[in-house]
Amino acid sequence: MEQEITLRDLANYLDNIGIQFLATIGLDGKPKVRPMQYNPRSCKRAGE
């Protein structure tokens, strides 16, 4: 079952868990753990 996830859903999730690191796959194909700075104010839509 697939579920559509919006940017707002993702922002709320990040707010709730307080994430500081994010796992990604690098250009070399190897997994990386990267520090992540997340500012929930940057996700607001224009006019909000």
N, C-alpha and C. Protein backbone atom coordinates (compact mmCIF):
# COMPACT_ATOMS: atom_id res chain seq x y z
N MET A 1 0.84 -1.17 0.00
CA MET A 1 0.00 0.00 0.00
C MET A 1 0.89 1.25 0.00
N GLU A 2 0.66 2.14 -0.95
CA GLU A 2 1.42 3.38 -1.03
C GLU A 2 0.63 4.53 -0.43
N GLN A 3 1.34 5.44 0.19
CA GLN A 3 0.70 6.59 0.81
C GLN A 3 1.45 7.85 0.35
N GLU A 4 0.70 8.86 -0.07
CA GLU A 4 1.32 10.11 -0.48
C GLU A 4 1.76 10.88 0.76
N ILE A 5 3.00 11.35 0.75
CA ILE A 5 3.54 12.11 1.87
C ILE A 5 3.85 13.51 1.36
N THR A 6 3.37 14.51 2.07
CA THR A 6 3.61 15.89 1.68
C THR A 6 4.82 16.44 2.43
N LEU A 7 5.31 17.58 1.98
CA LEU A 7 6.41 18.24 2.67
C LEU A 7 5.99 18.61 4.08
N ARG A 8 4.74 18.99 4.26
CA ARG A 8 4.21 19.33 5.59
C ARG A 8 4.27 18.10 6.50
N ASP A 9 3.88 16.91 5.98
CA ASP A 9 3.96 15.67 6.77
C ASP A 9 5.40 15.41 7.22
N LEU A 10 6.34 15.59 6.30
CA LEU A 10 7.75 15.37 6.61
C LEU A 10 8.25 16.37 7.65
N ALA A 11 7.87 17.64 7.50
CA ALA A 11 8.28 18.67 8.46
C ALA A 11 7.74 18.35 9.85
N ASN A 12 6.48 17.92 9.94
CA ASN A 12 5.90 17.57 11.24
C ASN A 12 6.62 16.38 11.85
N TYR A 13 6.96 15.39 11.03
CA TYR A 13 7.68 14.22 11.52
C TYR A 13 9.06 14.63 12.07
N LEU A 14 9.79 15.46 11.33
CA LEU A 14 11.10 15.89 11.79
C LEU A 14 10.99 16.70 13.07
N ASP A 15 9.95 17.53 13.19
CA ASP A 15 9.73 18.28 14.42
C ASP A 15 9.54 17.34 15.61
N ASN A 16 8.79 16.28 15.41
CA ASN A 16 8.46 15.34 16.49
C ASN A 16 9.66 14.52 16.95
N ILE A 17 10.53 14.10 16.03
CA ILE A 17 11.63 13.23 16.43
C ILE A 17 12.93 13.97 16.73
N GLY A 18 13.02 15.23 16.32
CA GLY A 18 14.22 16.01 16.60
C GLY A 18 15.47 15.43 15.95
N ILE A 19 15.40 15.10 14.68
CA ILE A 19 16.50 14.45 13.97
C ILE A 19 17.73 15.36 13.91
N GLN A 20 18.92 14.76 14.04
CA GLN A 20 20.16 15.50 13.93
C GLN A 20 21.08 14.93 12.87
N PHE A 21 20.84 13.68 12.46
CA PHE A 21 21.66 13.03 11.44
C PHE A 21 20.74 12.36 10.43
N LEU A 22 21.22 12.22 9.20
CA LEU A 22 20.43 11.62 8.14
C LEU A 22 21.31 10.66 7.36
N ALA A 23 20.82 9.45 7.10
CA ALA A 23 21.56 8.49 6.30
C ALA A 23 21.24 8.71 4.83
N THR A 24 22.29 8.74 4.01
CA THR A 24 22.13 8.92 2.56
C THR A 24 23.07 7.96 1.84
N ILE A 25 22.91 7.89 0.55
CA ILE A 25 23.85 7.14 -0.30
C ILE A 25 24.67 8.18 -1.06
N GLY A 26 25.99 8.10 -0.94
CA GLY A 26 26.87 9.05 -1.59
C GLY A 26 27.00 8.78 -3.08
N LEU A 27 27.66 9.68 -3.78
CA LEU A 27 27.87 9.52 -5.22
C LEU A 27 28.73 8.30 -5.53
N ASP A 28 29.50 7.84 -4.54
CA ASP A 28 30.31 6.64 -4.72
C ASP A 28 29.53 5.35 -4.46
N GLY A 29 28.22 5.50 -4.14
CA GLY A 29 27.37 4.33 -3.90
C GLY A 29 27.45 3.78 -2.49
N LYS A 30 28.24 4.40 -1.63
CA LYS A 30 28.41 3.92 -0.26
C LYS A 30 27.50 4.72 0.68
N PRO A 31 27.02 4.06 1.75
CA PRO A 31 26.17 4.78 2.72
C PRO A 31 26.97 5.83 3.48
N LYS A 32 26.31 6.92 3.78
CA LYS A 32 26.92 8.01 4.54
C LYS A 32 25.96 8.42 5.66
N VAL A 33 26.50 8.87 6.78
CA VAL A 33 25.70 9.46 7.85
C VAL A 33 26.10 10.92 7.89
N ARG A 34 25.13 11.78 7.61
CA ARG A 34 25.42 13.20 7.49
C ARG A 34 24.69 13.99 8.59
N PRO A 35 25.39 15.00 9.13
CA PRO A 35 24.69 15.88 10.07
C PRO A 35 23.65 16.69 9.32
N MET A 36 22.56 16.98 9.97
CA MET A 36 21.48 17.70 9.30
C MET A 36 20.99 18.82 10.19
N GLN A 37 20.93 20.02 9.65
CA GLN A 37 20.34 21.13 10.36
C GLN A 37 18.96 21.34 9.79
N TYR A 38 17.97 21.31 10.63
CA TYR A 38 16.58 21.44 10.19
C TYR A 38 15.95 22.63 10.88
N ASN A 39 15.40 23.54 10.09
CA ASN A 39 14.71 24.71 10.62
C ASN A 39 13.26 24.66 10.14
N PRO A 40 12.31 24.34 11.04
CA PRO A 40 10.92 24.20 10.61
C PRO A 40 10.33 25.47 10.02
N ARG A 41 10.87 26.63 10.36
CA ARG A 41 10.35 27.88 9.80
C ARG A 41 10.64 27.99 8.32
N SER A 42 11.66 27.30 7.83
CA SER A 42 12.01 27.38 6.41
C SER A 42 11.03 26.59 5.53
N CYS A 43 10.17 25.77 6.15
CA CYS A 43 9.22 24.95 5.39
C CYS A 43 7.85 25.62 5.25
N LYS A 44 7.67 26.79 5.81
CA LYS A 44 6.38 27.45 5.70
C LYS A 44 6.17 27.98 4.29
N ARG A 45 4.94 27.92 3.85
CA ARG A 45 4.60 28.43 2.53
C ARG A 45 4.50 29.95 2.54
N ALA A 46 4.70 30.55 1.40
CA ALA A 46 4.56 31.99 1.28
C ALA A 46 3.13 32.38 1.67
N GLY A 47 3.01 33.42 2.46
CA GLY A 47 1.70 33.89 2.85
C GLY A 47 1.19 33.28 4.15
N GLU A 48 1.92 32.37 4.75
CA GLU A 48 1.45 31.77 6.02
C GLU A 48 1.95 32.59 7.19
